[in-house]
Amino acid sequence: MYKRYASLPERFCIADGVKISGTESGIVVFVPARSAYFQGNSTTEHILDLVEQGHRNSEIIDSFIHQYTQSDPDEIREDLEGTLRELWTMGVLEKGEDHE
């Protein structure tokens, strides 16, 4: 898929029809375009919350870097970019409009 190699867009939005349900151990996400469910953890849930609020990817990454000050910022950035790319490839996220 081209999304595996394309540069990440600056902003994502939740794809049409995606349903997110909370569970005791994280979240369950239904992606109708793939007729598939997947389970996410609290980090995935937090990322999707920030996407829904309209935050840019750089803002999402910065919020995690500021939250986890004891961790290597480059490692956090790499991990979150990988998670965003995975959510995009799976059809949970789609390119969002950049209004600024």
PDB file of N, CA and C in Angstrom:
ATOM      1  N   MET A   1       0.842  -1.189   0.000  1.00  0.00           N
ATOM      2  CA  MET A   1       0.000   0.000   0.000  1.00  0.00           C
ATOM      3  C   MET A   1       0.882   1.245   0.000  1.00  0.00           C
ATOM      4  N   TYR A   2       0.453   2.239  -0.714  1.00  0.00           N
ATOM      5  CA  TYR A   2       1.232   3.473  -0.792  1.00  0.00           C
ATOM      6  C   TYR A   2       1.334   4.173   0.555  1.00  0.00           C
ATOM      7  N   LYS A   3       0.373   3.992   1.435  1.00  0.00           N
ATOM      8  CA  LYS A   3       0.375   4.682   2.730  1.00  0.00           C
ATOM      9  C   LYS A   3       1.561   4.260   3.597  1.00  0.00           C
ATOM     10  N   ARG A   4       2.081   3.084   3.358  1.00  0.00           N
ATOM     11  CA  ARG A   4       3.223   2.619   4.150  1.00  0.00           C
ATOM     12  C   ARG A   4       4.465   3.450   3.880  1.00  0.00           C
ATOM     13  N   TYR A   5       4.528   4.061   2.705  1.00  0.00           N
ATOM     14  CA  TYR A   5       5.732   4.778   2.296  1.00  0.00           C
ATOM     15  C   TYR A   5       5.522   6.272   2.125  1.00  0.00           C
ATOM     16  N   ALA A   6       4.289   6.687   2.014  1.00  0.00           N
ATOM     17  CA  ALA A   6       3.993   8.111   1.829  1.00  0.00           C
ATOM     18  C   ALA A   6       4.290   8.873   3.113  1.00  0.00           C
ATOM     19  N   SER A   7       4.635  10.141   2.957  1.00  0.00           N
ATOM     20  CA  SER A   7       4.823  10.954   4.157  1.00  0.00           C
ATOM     21  C   SER A   7       3.458  11.182   4.798  1.00  0.00           C
ATOM     22  N   LEU A   8       3.471  11.291   6.109  1.00  0.00           N
ATOM     23  CA  LEU A   8       2.213  11.487   6.827  1.00  0.00           C
ATOM     24  C   LEU A   8       1.647  12.862   6.515  1.00  0.00           C
ATOM     25  N   PRO A   9       0.338  12.956   6.326  1.00  0.00           N
ATOM     26  CA  PRO A   9      -0.258  14.286   6.193  1.00  0.00           C
ATOM     27  C   PRO A   9      -0.142  15.024   7.524  1.00  0.00           C
ATOM     28  N   GLU A  10      -0.324  16.320   7.511  1.00  0.00           N
ATOM     29  CA  GLU A  10      -0.185  17.099   8.745  1.00  0.00           C
ATOM     30  C   GLU A  10      -1.351  16.863   9.702  1.00  0.00           C
ATOM     31  N   ARG A  11      -2.494  16.488   9.165  1.00  0.00           N
ATOM     32  CA  ARG A  11      -3.681  16.318  10.009  1.00  0.00           C
ATOM     33  C   ARG A  11      -4.478  15.116   9.507  1.00  0.00           C
ATOM     34  N   PHE A  12      -5.034  14.375  10.460  1.00  0.00           N
ATOM     35  CA  PHE A  12      -5.926  13.262  10.150  1.00  0.00           C
ATOM     36  C   PHE A  12      -7.312  13.558  10.699  1.00  0.00           C
ATOM     37  N   CYS A  13      -8.279  12.774  10.249  1.00  0.00           N
ATOM     38  CA  CYS A  13      -9.597  12.737  10.876  1.00  0.00           C
ATOM     39  C   CYS A  13     -10.006  11.264  10.939  1.00  0.00           C
ATOM     40  N   ILE A  14     -10.990  10.985  11.772  1.00  0.00           N
ATOM     41  CA  ILE A  14     -11.505   9.627  11.875  1.00  0.00           C
ATOM     42  C   ILE A  14     -12.266   9.338  10.581  1.00  0.00           C
ATOM     43  N   ALA A  15     -12.012   8.196   9.967  1.00  0.00           N
ATOM     44  CA  ALA A  15     -12.651   7.837   8.702  1.00  0.00           C
ATOM     45  C   ALA A  15     -14.159   7.662   8.894  1.00  0.00           C
ATOM     46  N   ASP A  16     -14.902   7.915   7.840  1.00  0.00           N
ATOM     47  CA  ASP A  16     -16.358   7.779   7.872  1.00  0.00           C
ATOM     48  C   ASP A  16     -16.763   6.373   8.294  1.00  0.00           C
ATOM     49  N   GLY A  17     -17.720   6.303   9.200  1.00  0.00           N
ATOM     50  CA  GLY A  17     -18.289   5.038   9.620  1.00  0.00           C
ATOM     51  C   GLY A  17     -17.526   4.302  10.700  1.00  0.00           C
ATOM     52  N   VAL A  18     -16.328   4.751  11.034  1.00  0.00           N
ATOM     53  CA  VAL A  18     -15.533   4.075  12.068  1.00  0.00           C
ATOM     54  C   VAL A  18     -16.223   4.252  13.416  1.00  0.00           C
ATOM     55  N   LYS A  19     -16.367   3.157  14.127  1.00  0.00           N
ATOM     56  CA  LYS A  19     -17.003   3.164  15.450  1.00  0.00           C
ATOM     57  C   LYS A  19     -15.967   2.777  16.499  1.00  0.00           C
ATOM     58  N   ILE A  20     -15.928   3.549  17.576  1.00  0.00           N
ATOM     59  CA  ILE A  20     -14.963   3.312  18.651  1.00  0.00           C
ATOM     60  C   ILE A  20     -15.734   3.056  19.937  1.00  0.00           C
ATOM     61  N   SER A  21     -15.451   1.927  20.574  1.00  0.00           N
ATOM     62  CA  SER A  21     -16.108   1.567  21.827  1.00  0.00           C
ATOM     63  C   SER A  21     -15.057   1.342  22.899  1.00  0.00           C
ATOM     64  N   GLY A  22     -15.311   1.874  24.079  1.00  0.00           N
ATOM     65  CA  GLY A  22     -14.397   1.680  25.198  1.00  0.00           C
ATOM     66  C   GLY A  22     -14.607   0.330  25.850  1.00  0.00           C
ATOM     67  N   THR A  23     -13.521  -0.272  26.327  1.00  0.00           N
ATOM     68  CA  THR A  23     -13.572  -1.517  27.084  1.00  0.00           C
ATOM     69  C   THR A  23     -12.705  -1.336  28.326  1.00  0.00           C
ATOM     70  N   GLU A  24     -12.706  -2.323  29.189  1.00  0.00           N
ATOM     71  CA  GLU A  24     -11.878  -2.244  30.395  1.00  0.00           C
ATOM     72  C   GLU A  24     -10.390  -2.208  30.065  1.00  0.00           C
ATOM     73  N   SER A  25     -10.008  -2.826  28.961  1.00  0.00           N
ATOM     74  CA  SER A  25      -8.583  -2.926  28.634  1.00  0.00           C
ATOM     75  C   SER A  25      -8.144  -1.988  27.514  1.00  0.00           C
ATOM     76  N   GLY A  26      -9.003  -1.076  27.098  1.00  0.00           N
ATOM     77  CA  GLY A  26      -8.648  -0.150  26.015  1.00  0.00           C
ATOM     78  C   GLY A  26      -9.863   0.184  25.175  1.00  0.00           C
ATOM     79  N   ILE A  27      -9.730   0.002  23.867  1.00  0.00           N
ATOM     80  CA  ILE A  27     -10.833   0.296  22.961  1.00  0.00           C
ATOM     81  C   ILE A  27     -10.943  -0.796  21.902  1.00  0.00           C
ATOM     82  N   VAL A  28     -12.138  -0.880  21.319  1.00  0.00           N
ATOM     83  CA  VAL A  28     -12.374  -1.722  20.155  1.00  0.00           C
ATOM     84  C   VAL A  28     -12.832  -0.789  19.048  1.00  0.00           C
ATOM     85  N   VAL A  29     -12.227  -0.931  17.873  1.00  0.00           N
ATOM     86  CA  VAL A  29     -12.526  -0.063  16.744  1.00  0.00           C
ATOM     87  C   VAL A  29     -13.068  -0.923  15.612  1.00  0.00           C
ATOM     88  N   PHE A  30     -14.225  -0.514  15.055  1.00  0.00           N
ATOM     89  CA  PHE A  30     -14.784  -1.188  13.884  1.00  0.00           C
ATOM     90  C   PHE A  30     -14.522  -0.321  12.668  1.00  0.00           C
ATOM     91  N   VAL A  31     -13.923  -0.914  11.640  1.00  0.00           N
ATOM     92  CA  VAL A  31     -13.614  -0.214  10.393  1.00  0.00           C
ATOM     93  C   VAL A  31     -14.494  -0.819   9.301  1.00  0.00           C
ATOM     94  N   PRO A  32     -15.604  -0.142   8.949  1.00  0.00           N
ATOM     95  CA  PRO A  32     -16.535  -0.719   7.982  1.00  0.00           C
ATOM     96  C   PRO A  32     -15.934  -0.923   6.592  1.00  0.00           C
ATOM     97  N   ALA A  33     -14.985  -0.087   6.193  1.00  0.00           N
ATOM     98  CA  ALA A  33     -14.371  -0.236   4.868  1.00  0.00           C
ATOM     99  C   ALA A  33     -13.647  -1.577   4.737  1.00  0.00           C
ATOM    100  N   ARG A  34     -13.241  -2.141   5.848  1.00  0.00           N
ATOM    101  CA  ARG A  34     -12.545  -3.434   5.849  1.00  0.00           C
ATOM    102  C   ARG A  34     -13.376  -4.534   6.501  1.00  0.00           C
ATOM    103  N   SER A  35     -14.560  -4.186   6.991  1.00  0.00           N
ATOM    104  CA  SER A  35     -15.390  -5.125   7.749  1.00  0.00           C
ATOM    105  C   SER A  35     -14.554  -5.816   8.822  1.00  0.00           C
ATOM    106  N   ALA A  36     -13.805  -5.001   9.562  1.00  0.00           N
ATOM    107  CA  ALA A  36     -12.871  -5.563  10.535  1.00  0.00           C
ATOM    108  C   ALA A  36     -12.923  -4.803  11.853  1.00  0.00           C
ATOM    109  N   TYR A  37     -12.635  -5.533  12.910  1.00  0.00           N
ATOM    110  CA  TYR A  37     -12.481  -4.964  14.243  1.00  0.00           C
ATOM    111  C   TYR A  37     -11.018  -5.056  14.637  1.00  0.00           C
ATOM    112  N   PHE A  38     -10.570  -4.131  15.464  1.00  0.00           N
ATOM    113  CA  PHE A  38      -9.266  -4.298  16.078  1.00  0.00           C
ATOM    114  C   PHE A  38      -9.312  -3.692  17.464  1.00  0.00           C
ATOM    115  N   GLN A  39      -8.423  -4.166  18.323  1.00  0.00           N
ATOM    116  CA  GLN A  39      -8.368  -3.683  19.693  1.00  0.00           C
ATOM    117  C   GLN A  39      -7.184  -2.745  19.847  1.00  0.00           C
ATOM    118  N   GLY A  40      -7.411  -1.629  20.522  1.00  0.00           N
ATOM    119  CA  GLY A  40      -6.347  -0.665  20.781  1.00  0.00           C
ATOM    120  C   GLY A  40      -6.165  -0.468  22.270  1.00  0.00           C
ATOM    121  N   ASN A  41      -5.015   0.040  22.642  1.00  0.00           N
ATOM    122  CA  ASN A  41      -4.725   0.285  24.053  1.00  0.00           C
ATOM    123  C   ASN A  41      -5.041   1.739  24.412  1.00  0.00           C
ATOM    124  N   SER A  42      -4.671   2.138  25.615  1.00  0.00           N
ATOM    125  CA  SER A  42      -4.984   3.494  26.073  1.00  0.00           C
ATOM    126  C   SER A  42      -4.244   4.552  25.255  1.00  0.00           C
ATOM    127  N   THR A  43      -3.057   4.225  24.752  1.00  0.00           N
ATOM    128  CA  THR A  43      -2.332   5.177  23.903  1.00  0.00           C
ATOM    129  C   THR A  43      -3.091   5.421  22.605  1.00  0.00           C
ATOM    130  N   THR A  44      -3.566   4.351  21.993  1.00  0.00           N
ATOM    131  CA  THR A  44      -4.359   4.479  20.768  1.00  0.00           C
ATOM    132  C   THR A  44      -5.617   5.289  21.032  1.00  0.00           C
ATOM    133  N   GLU A  45      -6.259   5.026  22.159  1.00  0.00           N
ATOM    134  CA  GLU A  45      -7.465   5.767  22.527  1.00  0.00           C
ATOM    135  C   GLU A  45      -7.160   7.258  22.669  1.00  0.00           C
ATOM    136  N   HIS A  46      -6.046   7.581  23.313  1.00  0.00           N
ATOM    137  CA  HIS A  46      -5.663   8.984  23.507  1.00  0.00           C
ATOM    138  C   HIS A  46      -5.357   9.651  22.162  1.00  0.00           C
ATOM    139  N   ILE A  47      -4.668   8.949  21.280  1.00  0.00           N
ATOM    140  CA  ILE A  47      -4.379   9.485  19.945  1.00  0.00           C
ATOM    141  C   ILE A  47      -5.675   9.782  19.205  1.00  0.00           C
ATOM    142  N   LEU A  48      -6.614   8.844  19.218  1.00  0.00           N
ATOM    143  CA  LEU A  48      -7.878   9.045  18.505  1.00  0.00           C
ATOM    144  C   LEU A  48      -8.688  10.186  19.113  1.00  0.00           C
ATOM    145  N   ASP A  49      -8.633  10.345  20.436  1.00  0.00           N
ATOM    146  CA  ASP A  49      -9.298  11.483  21.085  1.00  0.00           C
ATOM    147  C   ASP A  49      -8.721  12.801  20.579  1.00  0.00           C
ATOM    148  N   LEU A  50      -7.398  12.877  20.493  1.00  0.00           N
ATOM    149  CA  LEU A  50      -6.752  14.108  20.022  1.00  0.00           C
ATOM    150  C   LEU A  50      -7.056  14.367  18.547  1.00  0.00           C
ATOM    151  N   VAL A  51      -7.118  13.311  17.746  1.00  0.00           N
ATOM    152  CA  VAL A  51      -7.488  13.462  16.332  1.00  0.00           C
ATOM    153  C   VAL A  51      -8.908  14.010  16.230  1.00  0.00           C
ATOM    154  N   GLU A  52      -9.823  13.443  17.014  1.00  0.00           N
ATOM    155  CA  GLU A  52     -11.217  13.910  17.000  1.00  0.00           C
ATOM    156  C   GLU A  52     -11.332  15.375  17.406  1.00  0.00           C
ATOM    157  N   GLN A  53     -10.445  15.830  18.281  1.00  0.00           N
ATOM    158  CA  GLN A  53     -10.456  17.225  18.718  1.00  0.00           C
ATOM    159  C   GLN A  53      -9.843  18.159  17.680  1.00  0.00           C
ATOM    160  N   GLY A  54      -9.304  17.592  16.597  1.00  0.00           N
ATOM    161  CA  GLY A  54      -8.771  18.405  15.512  1.00  0.00           C
ATOM    162  C   GLY A  54      -7.306  18.766  15.617  1.00  0.00           C
ATOM    163  N   HIS A  55      -6.576  18.095  16.490  1.00  0.00           N
ATOM    164  CA  HIS A  55      -5.150  18.389  16.643  1.00  0.00           C
ATOM    165  C   HIS A  55      -4.357  17.893  15.442  1.00  0.00           C
ATOM    166  N   ARG A  56      -3.352  18.664  15.079  1.00  0.00           N
ATOM    167  CA  ARG A  56      -2.414  18.240  14.039  1.00  0.00           C
ATOM    168  C   ARG A  56      -1.534  17.129  14.588  1.00  0.00           C
ATOM    169  N   ASN A  57      -0.948  16.352  13.679  1.00  0.00           N
ATOM    170  CA  ASN A  57      -0.071  15.256  14.106  1.00  0.00           C
ATOM    171  C   ASN A  57       1.096  15.764  14.942  1.00  0.00           C
ATOM    172  N   SER A  58       1.683  16.884  14.554  1.00  0.00           N
ATOM    173  CA  SER A  58       2.811  17.435  15.315  1.00  0.00           C
ATOM    174  C   SER A  58       2.383  17.816  16.731  1.00  0.00           C
ATOM    175  N   GLU A  59       1.156  18.300  16.889  1.00  0.00           N
ATOM    176  CA  GLU A  59       0.642  18.646  18.224  1.00  0.00           C
ATOM    177  C   GLU A  59       0.417  17.392  19.061  1.00  0.00           C
ATOM    178  N   ILE A  60      -0.057  16.336  18.422  1.00  0.00           N
ATOM    179  CA  ILE A  60      -0.270  15.068  19.124  1.00  0.00           C
ATOM    180  C   ILE A  60       1.068  14.532  19.624  1.00  0.00           C
ATOM    181  N   ILE A  61       2.054  14.524  18.754  1.00  0.00           N
ATOM    182  CA  ILE A  61       3.379  14.025  19.122  1.00  0.00           C
ATOM    183  C   ILE A  61       3.979  14.876  20.235  1.00  0.00           C
ATOM    184  N   ASP A  62       3.885  16.196  20.110  1.00  0.00           N
ATOM    185  CA  ASP A  62       4.422  17.085  21.147  1.00  0.00           C
ATOM    186  C   ASP A  62       3.750  16.859  22.495  1.00  0.00           C
ATOM    187  N   SER A  63       2.441  16.588  22.495  1.00  0.00           N
ATOM    188  CA  SER A  63       1.750  16.366  23.769  1.00  0.00           C
ATOM    189  C   SER A  63       2.276  15.116  24.466  1.00  0.00           C
ATOM    190  N   PHE A  64       2.591  14.073  23.704  1.00  0.00           N
ATOM    191  CA  PHE A  64       3.155  12.865  24.300  1.00  0.00           C
ATOM    192  C   PHE A  64       4.578  13.110  24.788  1.00  0.00           C
ATOM    193  N   ILE A  65       5.358  13.873  24.027  1.00  0.00           N
ATOM    194  CA  ILE A  65       6.733  14.178  24.441  1.00  0.00           C
ATOM    195  C   ILE A  65       6.728  14.947  25.761  1.00  0.00           C
ATOM    196  N   HIS A  66       5.801  15.900  25.908  1.00  0.00           N
ATOM    197  CA  HIS A  66       5.715  16.677  27.152  1.00  0.00           C
ATOM    198  C   HIS A  66       5.165  15.844  28.303  1.00  0.00           C
ATOM    199  N   GLN A  67       4.328  14.857  27.984  1.00  0.00           N
ATOM    200  CA  GLN A  67       3.754  14.003  29.020  1.00  0.00           C
ATOM    201  C   GLN A  67       4.786  13.005  29.556  1.00  0.00           C
ATOM    202  N   TYR A  68       5.628  12.496  28.677  1.00  0.00           N
ATOM    203  CA  TYR A  68       6.608  11.475  29.063  1.00  0.00           C
ATOM    204  C   TYR A  68       8.016  12.058  28.994  1.00  0.00           C
ATOM    205  N   THR A  69       8.318  12.956  29.904  1.00  0.00           N
ATOM    206  CA  THR A  69       9.583  13.693  29.878  1.00  0.00           C
ATOM    207  C   THR A  69      10.803  12.813  30.158  1.00  0.00           C
ATOM    208  N   GLN A  70      10.606  11.660  30.778  1.00  0.00           N
ATOM    209  CA  GLN A  70      11.734  10.770  31.076  1.00  0.00           C
ATOM    210  C   GLN A  70      12.133   9.913  29.874  1.00  0.00           C
ATOM    211  N   SER A  71      11.305   9.914  28.828  1.00  0.00           N
ATOM    212  CA  SER A  71      11.572   9.091  27.646  1.00  0.00           C
ATOM    213  C   SER A  71      12.284   9.900  26.570  1.00  0.00           C
ATOM    214  N   ASP A  72      12.936   9.201  25.665  1.00  0.00           N
ATOM    215  CA  ASP A  72      13.652   9.822  24.552  1.00  0.00           C
ATOM    216  C   ASP A  72      12.639  10.415  23.563  1.00  0.00           C
ATOM    217  N   PRO A  73      12.665  11.728  23.329  1.00  0.00           N
ATOM    218  CA  PRO A  73      11.705  12.370  22.418  1.00  0.00           C
ATOM    219  C   PRO A  73      11.731  11.786  21.002  1.00  0.00           C
ATOM    220  N   ASP A  74      12.903  11.415  20.510  1.00  0.00           N
ATOM    221  CA  ASP A  74      12.990  10.835  19.163  1.00  0.00           C
ATOM    222  C   ASP A  74      12.306   9.475  19.099  1.00  0.00           C
ATOM    223  N   GLU A  75      12.438   8.711  20.166  1.00  0.00           N
ATOM    224  CA  GLU A  75      11.786   7.405  20.223  1.00  0.00           C
ATOM    225  C   GLU A  75      10.269   7.568  20.293  1.00  0.00           C
ATOM    226  N   ILE A  76       9.799   8.526  21.080  1.00  0.00           N
ATOM    227  CA  ILE A  76       8.362   8.803  21.164  1.00  0.00           C
ATOM    228  C   ILE A  76       7.839   9.211  19.792  1.00  0.00           C
ATOM    229  N   ARG A  77       8.534  10.114  19.128  1.00  0.00           N
ATOM    230  CA  ARG A  77       8.125  10.584  17.800  1.00  0.00           C
ATOM    231  C   ARG A  77       8.043   9.413  16.812  1.00  0.00           C
ATOM    232  N   GLU A  78       9.058   8.582  16.813  1.00  0.00           N
ATOM    233  CA  GLU A  78       9.093   7.435  15.905  1.00  0.00           C
ATOM    234  C   GLU A  78       7.935   6.477  16.185  1.00  0.00           C
ATOM    235  N   ASP A  79       7.695   6.180  17.462  1.00  0.00           N
ATOM    236  CA  ASP A  79       6.603   5.277  17.836  1.00  0.00           C
ATOM    237  C   ASP A  79       5.250   5.841  17.432  1.00  0.00           C
ATOM    238  N   LEU A  80       5.024   7.125  17.708  1.00  0.00           N
ATOM    239  CA  LEU A  80       3.729   7.723  17.389  1.00  0.00           C
ATOM    240  C   LEU A  80       3.520   7.861  15.888  1.00  0.00           C
ATOM    241  N   GLU A  81       4.558   8.199  15.153  1.00  0.00           N
ATOM    242  CA  GLU A  81       4.426   8.250  13.695  1.00  0.00           C
ATOM    243  C   GLU A  81       4.078   6.868  13.152  1.00  0.00           C
ATOM    244  N   GLY A  82       4.666   5.829  13.729  1.00  0.00           N
ATOM    245  CA  GLY A  82       4.338   4.462  13.329  1.00  0.00           C
ATOM    246  C   GLY A  82       2.899   4.105  13.646  1.00  0.00           C
ATOM    247  N   THR A  83       2.427   4.514  14.816  1.00  0.00           N
ATOM    248  CA  THR A  83       1.037   4.244  15.194  1.00  0.00           C
ATOM    249  C   THR A  83       0.075   4.998  14.292  1.00  0.00           C
ATOM    250  N   LEU A  84       0.356   6.272  14.025  1.00  0.00           N
ATOM    251  CA  LEU A  84      -0.498   7.047  13.117  1.00  0.00           C
ATOM    252  C   LEU A  84      -0.529   6.414  11.727  1.00  0.00           C
ATOM    253  N   ARG A  85       0.622   6.000  11.236  1.00  0.00           N
ATOM    254  CA  ARG A  85       0.694   5.359   9.917  1.00  0.00           C
ATOM    255  C   ARG A  85      -0.103   4.056   9.906  1.00  0.00           C
ATOM    256  N   GLU A  86       0.004   3.272  10.981  1.00  0.00           N
ATOM    257  CA  GLU A  86      -0.740   2.016  11.082  1.00  0.00           C
ATOM    258  C   GLU A  86      -2.245   2.277  11.078  1.00  0.00           C
ATOM    259  N   LEU A  87      -2.690   3.268  11.844  1.00  0.00           N
ATOM    260  CA  LEU A  87      -4.119   3.600  11.878  1.00  0.00           C
ATOM    261  C   LEU A  87      -4.599   4.094  10.518  1.00  0.00           C
ATOM    262  N   TRP A  88      -3.760   4.816   9.798  1.00  0.00           N
ATOM    263  CA  TRP A  88      -4.082   5.305   8.459  1.00  0.00           C
ATOM    264  C   TRP A  88      -4.177   4.135   7.475  1.00  0.00           C
ATOM    265  N   THR A  89      -3.204   3.239   7.529  1.00  0.00           N
ATOM    266  CA  THR A  89      -3.175   2.081   6.636  1.00  0.00           C
ATOM    267  C   THR A  89      -4.369   1.167   6.883  1.00  0.00           C
ATOM    268  N   MET A  90      -4.776   1.035   8.144  1.00  0.00           N
ATOM    269  CA  MET A  90      -5.899   0.165   8.495  1.00  0.00           C
ATOM    270  C   MET A  90      -7.246   0.778   8.149  1.00  0.00           C
ATOM    271  N   GLY A  91      -7.277   2.051   7.808  1.00  0.00           N
ATOM    272  CA  GLY A  91      -8.532   2.689   7.439  1.00  0.00           C
ATOM    273  C   GLY A  91      -9.257   3.359   8.583  1.00  0.00           C
ATOM    274  N   VAL A  92      -8.624   3.435   9.749  1.00  0.00           N
ATOM    275  CA  VAL A  92      -9.235   4.118  10.891  1.00  0.00           C
ATOM    276  C   VAL A  92      -9.163   5.627  10.682  1.00  0.00           C
ATOM    277  N   LEU A  93      -8.044   6.089  10.146  1.00  0.00           N
ATOM    278  CA  LEU A  93      -7.833   7.515   9.898  1.00  0.00           C
ATOM    279  C   LEU A  93      -7.786   7.787   8.408  1.00  0.00           C
ATOM    280  N   GLU A  94      -8.177   8.997   8.049  1.00  0.00           N
ATOM    281  CA  GLU A  94      -8.010   9.468   6.678  1.00  0.00           C
ATOM    282  C   GLU A  94      -7.471  10.888   6.733  1.00  0.00           C
ATOM    283  N   LYS A  95      -6.950  11.350   5.617  1.00  0.00           N
ATOM    284  CA  LYS A  95      -6.387  12.698   5.579  1.00  0.00           C
ATOM    285  C   LYS A  95      -7.449  13.700   5.985  1.00  0.00           C
ATOM    286  N   GLY A  96      -7.067  14.608   6.868  1.00  0.00           N
ATOM    287  CA  GLY A  96      -7.972  15.660   7.311  1.00  0.00           C
ATOM    288  C   GLY A  96      -7.678  16.958   6.599  1.00  0.00           C
ATOM    289  N   GLU A  97      -8.604  17.873   6.699  1.00  0.00           N
ATOM    290  CA  GLU A  97      -8.428  19.197   6.110  1.00  0.00           C
ATOM    291  C   GLU A  97      -7.510  20.018   6.997  1.00  0.00           C
ATOM    292  N   ASP A  98      -6.631  20.762   6.380  1.00  0.00           N
ATOM    293  CA  ASP A  98      -5.751  21.661   7.124  1.00  0.00           C
ATOM    294  C   ASP A  98      -6.252  23.070   6.878  1.00  0.00           C
ATOM    295  N   HIS A  99      -6.834  23.675   7.891  1.00  0.00           N
ATOM    296  CA  HIS A  99      -7.519  24.966   7.742  1.00  0.00           C
ATOM    297  C   HIS A  99      -6.639  26.160   8.025  1.00  0.00           C
ATOM    298  N   GLU A 100      -5.373  25.945   8.348  1.00  0.00           N
ATOM    299  CA  GLU A 100      -4.527  27.083   8.710  1.00  0.00           C
ATOM    300  C   GLU A 100      -3.488  27.361   7.667  1.00  0.00           C
TER     301      GLU A 100
END
